[in-house]
C-alpha atoms as a PDB file:
ATOM      1  CA  UNK A   1      -9.308 -87.211 -10.261  1.00  0.00           C
ATOM      2  CA  UNK A   2     -10.766 -83.724 -10.599  1.00  0.00           C
ATOM      3  CA  UNK A   3     -14.259 -85.112 -10.035  1.00  0.00           C
ATOM      4  CA  UNK A   4     -13.166 -86.905  -6.842  1.00  0.00           C
ATOM      5  CA  UNK A   5     -11.642 -83.700  -5.490  1.00  0.00           C
ATOM      6  CA  UNK A   6     -14.840 -81.816  -6.287  1.00  0.00           C
ATOM      7  CA  UNK A   7     -16.925 -84.405  -4.428  1.00  0.00           C
ATOM      8  CA  UNK A   8     -14.607 -84.130  -1.414  1.00  0.00           C
ATOM      9  CA  UNK A   9     -14.888 -80.329  -1.513  1.00  0.00           C
ATOM     10  CA  UNK A  10     -18.691 -80.541  -1.488  1.00  0.00           C
ATOM     11  CA  UNK A  11     -18.576 -82.969   1.465  1.00  0.00           C
ATOM     12  CA  UNK A  12     -16.301 -80.651   3.465  1.00  0.00           C
ATOM     13  CA  UNK A  13     -18.571 -77.664   2.740  1.00  0.00           C
ATOM     14  CA  UNK A  14     -21.615 -79.517   4.033  1.00  0.00           C
ATOM     15  CA  UNK A  15     -19.810 -81.075   7.030  1.00  0.00           C
ATOM     16  CA  UNK A  16     -18.392 -77.797   8.307  1.00  0.00           C
ATOM     17  CA  UNK A  17     -21.114 -75.508   6.933  1.00  0.00           C
ATOM     18  CA  UNK A  18     -18.702 -73.531   4.779  1.00  0.00           C
ATOM     19  CA  UNK A  19     -20.714 -71.088   2.691  1.00  0.00           C
ATOM     20  CA  UNK A  20     -19.876 -69.773  -0.750  1.00  0.00           C
ATOM     21  CA  UNK A  21     -21.815 -67.542  -3.121  1.00  0.00           C
ATOM     22  CA  UNK A  22     -22.885 -70.395  -5.375  1.00  0.00           C
ATOM     23  CA  UNK A  23     -26.310 -71.918  -6.113  1.00  0.00           C
ATOM     24  CA  UNK A  24     -28.060 -73.635  -3.215  1.00  0.00           C
ATOM     25  CA  UNK A  25     -27.827 -76.983  -4.991  1.00  0.00           C
ATOM     26  CA  UNK A  26     -25.464 -78.437  -7.524  1.00  0.00           C
ATOM     27  CA  UNK A  27     -25.983 -81.410  -9.790  1.00  0.00           C
ATOM     28  CA  UNK A  28     -22.927 -83.265 -10.985  1.00  0.00           C
ATOM     29  CA  UNK A  29     -22.284 -86.715 -12.446  1.00  0.00           C
ATOM     30  CA  UNK A  30     -19.751 -89.338 -11.455  1.00  0.00           C
ATOM     31  CA  UNK A  31     -18.883 -92.293 -13.686  1.00  0.00           C
ATOM     32  CA  UNK A  32     -18.169 -95.589 -11.935  1.00  0.00           C
ATOM     33  CA  UNK A  33     -15.968 -98.381 -13.296  1.00  0.00           C
ATOM     34  CA  UNK A  34     -18.883 -99.802 -15.281  1.00  0.00           C
ATOM     35  CA  UNK A  35     -19.418 -96.443 -16.996  1.00  0.00           C
ATOM     36  CA  UNK A  36     -22.814 -95.995 -15.341  1.00  0.00           C
ATOM     37  CA  UNK A  37     -23.793 -92.379 -14.759  1.00  0.00           C
ATOM     38  CA  UNK A  38     -24.758 -91.657 -11.157  1.00  0.00           C
ATOM     39  CA  UNK A  39     -26.360 -88.285 -10.527  1.00  0.00           C
ATOM     40  CA  UNK A  40     -25.512 -86.805  -7.149  1.00  0.00           C
ATOM     41  CA  UNK A  41     -27.408 -83.838  -5.724  1.00  0.00           C
ATOM     42  CA  UNK A  42     -25.271 -81.851  -3.288  1.00  0.00           C
ATOM     43  CA  UNK A  43     -26.986 -79.437  -0.926  1.00  0.00           C
ATOM     44  CA  UNK A  44     -25.043 -76.287  -0.162  1.00  0.00           C
ATOM     45  CA  UNK A  45     -26.081 -73.992   2.711  1.00  0.00           C
ATOM     46  CA  UNK A  46     -26.723 -70.491   1.350  1.00  0.00           C
ATOM     47  CA  UNK A  47     -24.352 -67.710   2.441  1.00  0.00           C
ATOM     48  CA  UNK A  48     -24.979 -66.137   5.824  1.00  0.00           C
ATOM     49  CA  UNK A  49     -27.300 -63.160   5.604  1.00  0.00           C
ATOM     50  CA  UNK A  50     -26.447 -59.814   7.155  1.00  0.00           C
ATOM     51  CA  UNK A  51     -26.573 -60.185  10.944  1.00  0.00           C
ATOM     52  CA  UNK A  52     -26.879 -63.974  10.742  1.00  0.00           C
ATOM     53  CA  UNK A  53     -24.383 -66.385  12.333  1.00  0.00           C
ATOM     54  CA  UNK A  54     -23.845 -70.136  12.274  1.00  0.00           C
ATOM     55  CA  UNK A  55     -24.766 -70.130  15.961  1.00  0.00           C
ATOM     56  CA  UNK A  56     -28.133 -68.493  15.243  1.00  0.00           C
ATOM     57  CA  UNK A  57     -28.830 -71.096  12.566  1.00  0.00           C
ATOM     58  CA  UNK A  58     -28.003 -73.884  14.996  1.00  0.00           C
ATOM     59  CA  UNK A  59     -30.261 -72.381  17.660  1.00  0.00           C
ATOM     60  CA  UNK A  60     -33.193 -72.180  15.234  1.00  0.00           C
ATOM     61  CA  UNK A  61     -32.592 -75.777  14.154  1.00  0.00           C
ATOM     62  CA  UNK A  62     -32.685 -76.900  17.794  1.00  0.00           C
ATOM     63  CA  UNK A  63     -35.939 -75.035  18.461  1.00  0.00           C
ATOM     64  CA  UNK A  64     -37.597 -76.591  15.422  1.00  0.00           C
ATOM     65  CA  UNK A  65     -36.341 -80.061  16.318  1.00  0.00           C
ATOM     66  CA  UNK A  66     -37.564 -80.046  19.908  1.00  0.00           C
ATOM     67  CA  UNK A  67     -40.903 -78.290  19.475  1.00  0.00           C
ATOM     68  CA  UNK A  68     -42.363 -80.054  16.433  1.00  0.00           C
ATOM     69  CA  UNK A  69     -43.410 -83.731  16.296  1.00  0.00           C
ATOM     70  CA  UNK A  70     -41.320 -85.720  13.875  1.00  0.00           C
ATOM     71  CA  UNK A  71     -44.209 -86.961  11.781  1.00  0.00           C
ATOM     72  CA  UNK A  72     -44.928 -87.550   8.151  1.00  0.00           C
ATOM     73  CA  UNK A  73     -48.169 -87.460   6.233  1.00  0.00           C
ATOM     74  CA  UNK A  74     -49.323 -90.132   3.819  1.00  0.00           C
ATOM     75  CA  UNK A  75     -51.360 -89.403   0.715  1.00  0.00           C
ATOM     76  CA  UNK A  76     -54.670 -90.974  -0.167  1.00  0.00           C
ATOM     77  CA  UNK A  77     -54.534 -92.198  -3.753  1.00  0.00           C
ATOM     78  CA  UNK A  78     -57.796 -90.746  -4.994  1.00  0.00           C
ATOM     79  CA  UNK A  79     -58.914 -88.371  -7.721  1.00  0.00           C
ATOM     80  CA  UNK A  80     -59.116 -85.411  -5.350  1.00  0.00           C
ATOM     81  CA  UNK A  81     -55.565 -85.790  -4.064  1.00  0.00           C
ATOM     82  CA  UNK A  82     -56.657 -85.227  -0.478  1.00  0.00           C
ATOM     83  CA  UNK A  83     -54.229 -85.802   2.359  1.00  0.00           C
ATOM     84  CA  UNK A  84     -54.929 -88.676   4.719  1.00  0.00           C
ATOM     85  CA  UNK A  85     -54.463 -88.954   8.468  1.00  0.00           C
ATOM     86  CA  UNK A  86     -51.175 -88.098  10.148  1.00  0.00           C
ATOM     87  CA  UNK A  87     -49.018 -91.041  11.115  1.00  0.00           C
ATOM     88  CA  UNK A  88     -46.059 -91.444  13.422  1.00  0.00           C
ATOM     89  CA  UNK A  89     -42.682 -91.687  11.748  1.00  0.00           C
ATOM     90  CA  UNK A  90     -42.039 -95.228  12.983  1.00  0.00           C
ATOM     91  CA  UNK A  91     -45.392 -96.630  11.788  1.00  0.00           C
ATOM     92  CA  UNK A  92     -44.939 -99.453   9.323  1.00  0.00           C
ATOM     93  CA  UNK A  93     -46.909-100.543   6.307  1.00  0.00           C
ATOM     94  CA  UNK A  94     -47.442 -97.013   4.968  1.00  0.00           C
ATOM     95  CA  UNK A  95     -45.675 -95.554   1.964  1.00  0.00           C
ATOM     96  CA  UNK A  96     -44.706 -91.977   2.700  1.00  0.00           C
ATOM     97  CA  UNK A  97     -44.860 -89.662  -0.284  1.00  0.00           C
ATOM     98  CA  UNK A  98     -45.318 -86.266   1.320  1.00  0.00           C
ATOM     99  CA  UNK A  99     -43.215 -84.259   3.715  1.00  0.00           C
ATOM    100  CA  UNK A 100     -42.095 -80.720   4.416  1.00  0.00           C
ATOM    101  CA  UNK A 101     -39.269 -78.288   3.791  1.00  0.00           C
ATOM    102  CA  UNK A 102     -36.229 -78.913   5.995  1.00  0.00           C
ATOM    103  CA  UNK A 103     -34.575 -76.068   7.967  1.00  0.00           C
ATOM    104  CA  UNK A 104     -31.810 -75.967   5.333  1.00  0.00           C
ATOM    105  CA  UNK A 105     -34.486 -75.967   2.641  1.00  0.00           C
ATOM    106  CA  UNK A 106     -36.218 -72.973   4.214  1.00  0.00           C
ATOM    107  CA  UNK A 107     -32.940 -71.037   4.073  1.00  0.00           C
ATOM    108  CA  UNK A 108     -32.539 -72.034   0.442  1.00  0.00           C
ATOM    109  CA  UNK A 109     -36.108 -70.849  -0.159  1.00  0.00           C
ATOM    110  CA  UNK A 110     -35.363 -67.541   1.581  1.00  0.00           C
ATOM    111  CA  UNK A 111     -32.421 -67.044  -0.770  1.00  0.00           C
ATOM    112  CA  UNK A 112     -34.422 -68.093  -3.852  1.00  0.00           C
ATOM    113  CA  UNK A 113     -37.170 -65.591  -2.990  1.00  0.00           C
ATOM    114  CA  UNK A 114     -34.663 -62.765  -2.473  1.00  0.00           C
ATOM    115  CA  UNK A 115     -35.317 -62.313   1.260  1.00  0.00           C
ATOM    116  CA  UNK A 116     -31.745 -61.543   2.224  1.00  0.00           C
ATOM    117  CA  UNK A 117     -32.397 -58.983   4.969  1.00  0.00           C
ATOM    118  CA  UNK A 118     -35.406 -58.081   7.083  1.00  0.00           C
ATOM    119  CA  UNK A 119     -37.701 -55.590   5.440  1.00  0.00           C
ATOM    120  CA  UNK A 120     -40.629 -54.121   7.355  1.00  0.00           C
ATOM    121  CA  UNK A 121     -42.632 -54.093   4.128  1.00  0.00           C
ATOM    122  CA  UNK A 122     -42.393 -57.871   3.649  1.00  0.00           C
ATOM    123  CA  UNK A 123     -45.536 -59.898   4.379  1.00  0.00           C
ATOM    124  CA  UNK A 124     -44.998 -63.631   3.857  1.00  0.00           C
ATOM    125  CA  UNK A 125     -47.860 -66.109   3.356  1.00  0.00           C
ATOM    126  CA  UNK A 126     -47.478 -69.890   3.530  1.00  0.00           C
ATOM    127  CA  UNK A 127     -50.509 -71.476   1.845  1.00  0.00           C
ATOM    128  CA  UNK A 128     -50.828 -75.080   2.969  1.00  0.00           C
ATOM    129  CA  UNK A 129     -48.723 -74.481   6.084  1.00  0.00           C
ATOM    130  CA  UNK A 130     -49.292 -77.926   7.631  1.00  0.00           C
ATOM    131  CA  UNK A 131     -47.773 -78.108  11.100  1.00  0.00           C
ATOM    132  CA  UNK A 132     -46.664 -74.473  10.848  1.00  0.00           C
ATOM    133  CA  UNK A 133     -42.972 -75.313  10.942  1.00  0.00           C
ATOM    134  CA  UNK A 134     -41.983 -73.337   7.839  1.00  0.00           C
ATOM    135  CA  UNK A 135     -44.020 -70.309   8.940  1.00  0.00           C
ATOM    136  CA  UNK A 136     -42.415 -70.430  12.378  1.00  0.00           C
ATOM    137  CA  UNK A 137     -38.926 -70.649  10.893  1.00  0.00           C
ATOM    138  CA  UNK A 138     -39.637 -67.655   8.673  1.00  0.00           C
ATOM    139  CA  UNK A 139     -40.515 -65.757  11.864  1.00  0.00           C
ATOM    140  CA  UNK A 140     -37.385 -66.988  13.659  1.00  0.00           C
ATOM    141  CA  UNK A 141     -35.140 -66.173  10.677  1.00  0.00           C
ATOM    142  CA  UNK A 142     -36.400 -62.579  10.988  1.00  0.00           C
ATOM    143  CA  UNK A 143     -36.625 -61.827   7.268  1.00  0.00           C
ATOM    144  CA  UNK A 144     -40.287 -60.797   7.208  1.00  0.00           C
ATOM    145  CA  UNK A 145     -42.288 -58.266   9.189  1.00  0.00           C
ATOM    146  CA  UNK A 146     -45.405 -60.473   9.219  1.00  0.00           C
ATOM    147  CA  UNK A 147     -45.780 -64.217   8.560  1.00  0.00           C
ATOM    148  CA  UNK A 148     -49.152 -65.883   7.933  1.00  0.00           C
ATOM    149  CA  UNK A 149     -49.586 -69.653   7.739  1.00  0.00           C
ATOM    150  CA  UNK A 150     -52.860 -70.923   6.249  1.00  0.00           C
ATOM    151  CA  UNK A 151     -53.849 -74.573   6.730  1.00  0.00           C
ATOM    152  CA  UNK A 152     -57.104 -76.327   5.824  1.00  0.00           C
ATOM    153  CA  UNK A 153     -56.732 -79.380   8.095  1.00  0.00           C
ATOM    154  CA  UNK A 154     -57.953 -78.812  11.657  1.00  0.00           C
ATOM    155  CA  UNK A 155     -55.673 -81.533  12.977  1.00  0.00           C
ATOM    156  CA  UNK A 156     -52.521 -80.124  11.421  1.00  0.00           C
ATOM    157  CA  UNK A 157     -53.512 -76.590  12.442  1.00  0.00           C
ATOM    158  CA  UNK A 158     -54.010 -77.769  16.036  1.00  0.00           C
ATOM    159  CA  UNK A 159     -50.529 -79.311  16.084  1.00  0.00           C
ATOM    160  CA  UNK A 160     -49.118 -76.099  14.616  1.00  0.00           C
ATOM    161  CA  UNK A 161     -50.720 -73.994  17.353  1.00  0.00           C
ATOM    162  CA  UNK A 162     -49.488 -76.309  20.117  1.00  0.00           C
ATOM    163  CA  UNK A 163     -45.944 -76.273  18.752  1.00  0.00           C
ATOM    164  CA  UNK A 164     -45.901 -72.496  18.298  1.00  0.00           C
ATOM    165  CA  UNK A 165     -47.189 -71.891  21.834  1.00  0.00           C
ATOM    166  CA  UNK A 166     -44.374 -74.098  23.133  1.00  0.00           C
ATOM    167  CA  UNK A 167     -41.857 -72.006  21.170  1.00  0.00           C
ATOM    168  CA  UNK A 168     -43.337 -68.818  22.618  1.00  0.00           C
ATOM    169  CA  UNK A 169     -42.827 -70.188  26.127  1.00  0.00           C
ATOM    170  CA  UNK A 170     -39.250 -71.193  25.336  1.00  0.00           C
ATOM    171  CA  UNK A 171     -38.366 -67.787  23.871  1.00  0.00           C
ATOM    172  CA  UNK A 172     -40.357 -65.785  26.406  1.00  0.00           C
ATOM    173  CA  UNK A 173     -42.611 -64.321  23.720  1.00  0.00           C
ATOM    174  CA  UNK A 174     -45.685 -64.787  25.896  1.00  0.00           C
ATOM    175  CA  UNK A 175     -44.639 -61.694  27.832  1.00  0.00           C
ATOM    176  CA  UNK A 176     -43.581 -59.677  24.779  1.00  0.00           C
ATOM    177  CA  UNK A 177     -45.534 -56.733  23.425  1.00  0.00           C
ATOM    178  CA  UNK A 178     -48.543 -57.222  21.188  1.00  0.00           C
ATOM    179  CA  UNK A 179     -46.663 -56.169  18.041  1.00  0.00           C
ATOM    180  CA  UNK A 180     -44.089 -58.944  18.466  1.00  0.00           C
ATOM    181  CA  UNK A 181     -46.798 -61.548  19.108  1.00  0.00           C
ATOM    182  CA  UNK A 182     -48.738 -60.478  16.044  1.00  0.00           C
ATOM    183  CA  UNK A 183     -45.847 -61.008  13.637  1.00  0.00           C
ATOM    184  CA  UNK A 184     -46.899 -64.643  13.164  1.00  0.00           C
ATOM    185  CA  UNK A 185     -50.458 -65.773  12.458  1.00  0.00           C
ATOM    186  CA  UNK A 186     -51.540 -69.383  12.023  1.00  0.00           C
ATOM    187  CA  UNK A 187     -54.965 -69.618  10.398  1.00  0.00           C
ATOM    188  CA  UNK A 188     -57.260 -72.638   9.951  1.00  0.00           C
ATOM    189  CA  UNK A 189     -58.874 -71.772   6.623  1.00  0.00           C
ATOM    190  CA  UNK A 190     -59.213 -72.704   2.974  1.00  0.00           C
ATOM    191  CA  UNK A 191     -56.589 -70.881   0.895  1.00  0.00           C
ATOM    192  CA  UNK A 192     -59.277 -69.932  -1.628  1.00  0.00           C
ATOM    193  CA  UNK A 193     -61.220 -68.161   1.131  1.00  0.00           C
ATOM    194  CA  UNK A 194     -58.151 -66.338   2.432  1.00  0.00           C
ATOM    195  CA  UNK A 195     -57.523 -62.647   1.896  1.00  0.00           C
ATOM    196  CA  UNK A 196     -53.847 -62.371   1.014  1.00  0.00           C
ATOM    197  CA  UNK A 197     -54.067 -58.952  -0.605  1.00  0.00           C
ATOM    198  CA  UNK A 198     -51.366 -57.653   1.751  1.00  0.00           C
ATOM    199  CA  UNK A 199     -48.909 -60.408   0.800  1.00  0.00           C
ATOM    200  CA  UNK A 200     -45.626 -59.509  -0.862  1.00  0.00           C
ATOM    201  CA  UNK A 201     -44.274 -63.079  -0.930  1.00  0.00           C
ATOM    202  CA  UNK A 202     -46.241 -66.341  -1.062  1.00  0.00           C
ATOM    203  CA  UNK A 203     -45.070 -69.938  -0.731  1.00  0.00           C
ATOM    204  CA  UNK A 204     -47.505 -72.654  -1.830  1.00  0.00           C
ATOM    205  CA  UNK A 205     -46.971 -76.265  -0.842  1.00  0.00           C
ATOM    206  CA  UNK A 206     -48.788 -77.339  -3.982  1.00  0.00           C
ATOM    207  CA  UNK A 207     -47.307 -80.771  -4.556  1.00  0.00           C
ATOM    208  CA  UNK A 208     -50.600 -82.537  -3.775  1.00  0.00           C
ATOM    209  CA  UNK A 209     -52.958 -79.856  -5.046  1.00  0.00           C
ATOM    210  CA  UNK A 210     -55.378 -81.061  -7.740  1.00  0.00           C
ATOM    211  CA  UNK A 211     -55.371 -79.179 -11.045  1.00  0.00           C
ATOM    212  CA  UNK A 212     -58.613 -77.315 -10.400  1.00  0.00           C
ATOM    213  CA  UNK A 213     -57.269 -75.962  -7.105  1.00  0.00           C
ATOM    214  CA  UNK A 214     -54.026 -74.743  -8.680  1.00  0.00           C
ATOM    215  CA  UNK A 215     -55.986 -73.042 -11.451  1.00  0.00           C
ATOM    216  CA  UNK A 216     -58.384 -71.338  -9.018  1.00  0.00           C
ATOM    217  CA  UNK A 217     -55.571 -70.294  -6.702  1.00  0.00           C
ATOM    218  CA  UNK A 218     -53.475 -69.080  -9.625  1.00  0.00           C
ATOM    219  CA  UNK A 219     -56.305 -66.871 -10.878  1.00  0.00           C
ATOM    220  CA  UNK A 220     -56.845 -65.439  -7.402  1.00  0.00           C
ATOM    221  CA  UNK A 221     -53.136 -64.683  -7.039  1.00  0.00           C
ATOM    222  CA  UNK A 222     -53.004 -63.037 -10.474  1.00  0.00           C
ATOM    223  CA  UNK A 223     -56.027 -60.856  -9.677  1.00  0.00           C
ATOM    224  CA  UNK A 224     -54.605 -59.851  -6.291  1.00  0.00           C
ATOM    225  CA  UNK A 225     -51.279 -58.967  -7.852  1.00  0.00           C
ATOM    226  CA  UNK A 226     -52.853 -56.406 -10.188  1.00  0.00           C
ATOM    227  CA  UNK A 227     -53.656 -53.969  -7.407  1.00  0.00           C
ATOM    228  CA  UNK A 228     -51.694 -55.422  -4.494  1.00  0.00           C
ATOM    229  CA  UNK A 229     -48.148 -55.645  -3.213  1.00  0.00           C
ATOM    230  CA  UNK A 230     -47.373 -59.176  -4.365  1.00  0.00           C
ATOM    231  CA  UNK A 231     -43.898 -59.623  -5.845  1.00  0.00           C
ATOM    232  CA  UNK A 232     -42.852 -63.270  -5.535  1.00  0.00           C
ATOM    233  CA  UNK A 233     -44.710 -66.602  -5.544  1.00  0.00           C
ATOM    234  CA  UNK A 234     -42.872 -69.893  -4.911  1.00  0.00           C
ATOM    235  CA  UNK A 235     -44.592 -73.210  -5.621  1.00  0.00           C
ATOM    236  CA  UNK A 236     -43.805 -76.927  -5.748  1.00  0.00           C
ATOM    237  CA  UNK A 237     -45.529 -77.347  -9.112  1.00  0.00           C
ATOM    238  CA  UNK A 238     -46.120 -75.344 -12.271  1.00  0.00           C
ATOM    239  CA  UNK A 239     -48.783 -72.624 -12.125  1.00  0.00           C
ATOM    240  CA  UNK A 240     -49.827 -72.205 -15.739  1.00  0.00           C
ATOM    241  CA  UNK A 241     -51.982 -69.165 -14.975  1.00  0.00           C
ATOM    242  CA  UNK A 242     -48.946 -67.223 -13.744  1.00  0.00           C
ATOM    243  CA  UNK A 243     -46.791 -68.319 -16.667  1.00  0.00           C
ATOM    244  CA  UNK A 244     -49.450 -67.250 -19.134  1.00  0.00           C
ATOM    245  CA  UNK A 245     -49.810 -63.967 -17.247  1.00  0.00           C
ATOM    246  CA  UNK A 246     -46.234 -62.969 -17.988  1.00  0.00           C
ATOM    247  CA  UNK A 247     -44.662 -63.747 -14.617  1.00  0.00           C
ATOM    248  CA  UNK A 248     -40.956 -64.520 -14.859  1.00  0.00           C
ATOM    249  CA  UNK A 249     -40.192 -68.086 -13.790  1.00  0.00           C
ATOM    250  CA  UNK A 250     -36.999 -69.446 -12.245  1.00  0.00           C
ATOM    251  CA  UNK A 251     -36.305 -72.850 -10.709  1.00  0.00           C
ATOM    252  CA  UNK A 252     -34.283 -73.707  -7.613  1.00  0.00           C
ATOM    253  CA  UNK A 253     -33.560 -76.946  -5.802  1.00  0.00           C
ATOM    254  CA  UNK A 254     -34.772 -76.840  -2.195  1.00  0.00           C
ATOM    255  CA  UNK A 255     -34.195 -79.582   0.353  1.00  0.00           C
ATOM    256  CA  UNK A 256     -37.301 -81.422   1.545  1.00  0.00           C
ATOM    257  CA  UNK A 257     -37.704 -84.293   3.998  1.00  0.00           C
ATOM    258  CA  UNK A 258     -37.995 -86.710   1.049  1.00  0.00           C
ATOM    259  CA  UNK A 259     -34.999 -85.295  -0.825  1.00  0.00           C
ATOM    260  CA  UNK A 260     -34.440 -82.309  -3.077  1.00  0.00           C
ATOM    261  CA  UNK A 261     -37.396 -80.780  -4.873  1.00  0.00           C
ATOM    262  CA  UNK A 262     -37.553 -78.300  -7.725  1.00  0.00           C
ATOM    263  CA  UNK A 263     -39.251 -75.101  -6.568  1.00  0.00           C
ATOM    264  CA  UNK A 264     -40.720 -72.714  -9.118  1.00  0.00           C
ATOM    265  CA  UNK A 265     -40.222 -69.070  -8.206  1.00  0.00           C
ATOM    266  CA  UNK A 266     -42.505 -66.669 -10.078  1.00  0.00           C
ATOM    267  CA  UNK A 267     -41.673 -62.970 -10.111  1.00  0.00           C
ATOM    268  CA  UNK A 268     -44.208 -60.329 -11.071  1.00  0.00           C
ATOM    269  CA  UNK A 269     -42.875 -58.093 -13.840  1.00  0.00           C
END
């Protein structure tokens, strides 16, 4: 009976966006009549940040929904782990195994990385930014002074630029001052060739990264952190180089388009 009430409480919280100061995701088990354990993952919106409202969250969600194509990306099953062509969501015959962080997931990520209020010293990098949706939401959530999205694929970068320009028109940013325009950069470049020495926070969509790339990127991050401003790195897979380098590791569930994913948050000590 207690378990049923707890499930109902979680449902009400999600339905009406009631926020409590509890972890962004909870895992609990329910036993059915056949004594089979069913694990349920309940997503909880993080508490409202200072100056944030439910209306502002809804507005951001609407902007992201209308200005980005609802696509998914399939993965080529080869030894390099490269991403294949983009495909429309209603295409059939393709098994989708890759997606992106949802708007709720981005807010969970913001909370996990400790970005509760805007700080003019925060420089956020998204390595493997895809269509630029996460980078754009970080800009719209106004928790970082500068946001940089780095994407290797020309096609995905092109879609990101088109979507962001549409957002600028909607919000009237085309006529804003240069400083406001330059708070978000979308770059078509290899992450290994990117200078992120100014970064304080980095998110890496590393789910499909081959081992050699994670190792090379991990070493570059560790070297940059020695003399730079880097504080937090969040990844979708383990970065052994950071763990061996003494970075403190925590894990958080973050909502993705394919479900909930465990994000590793590394903090420089």
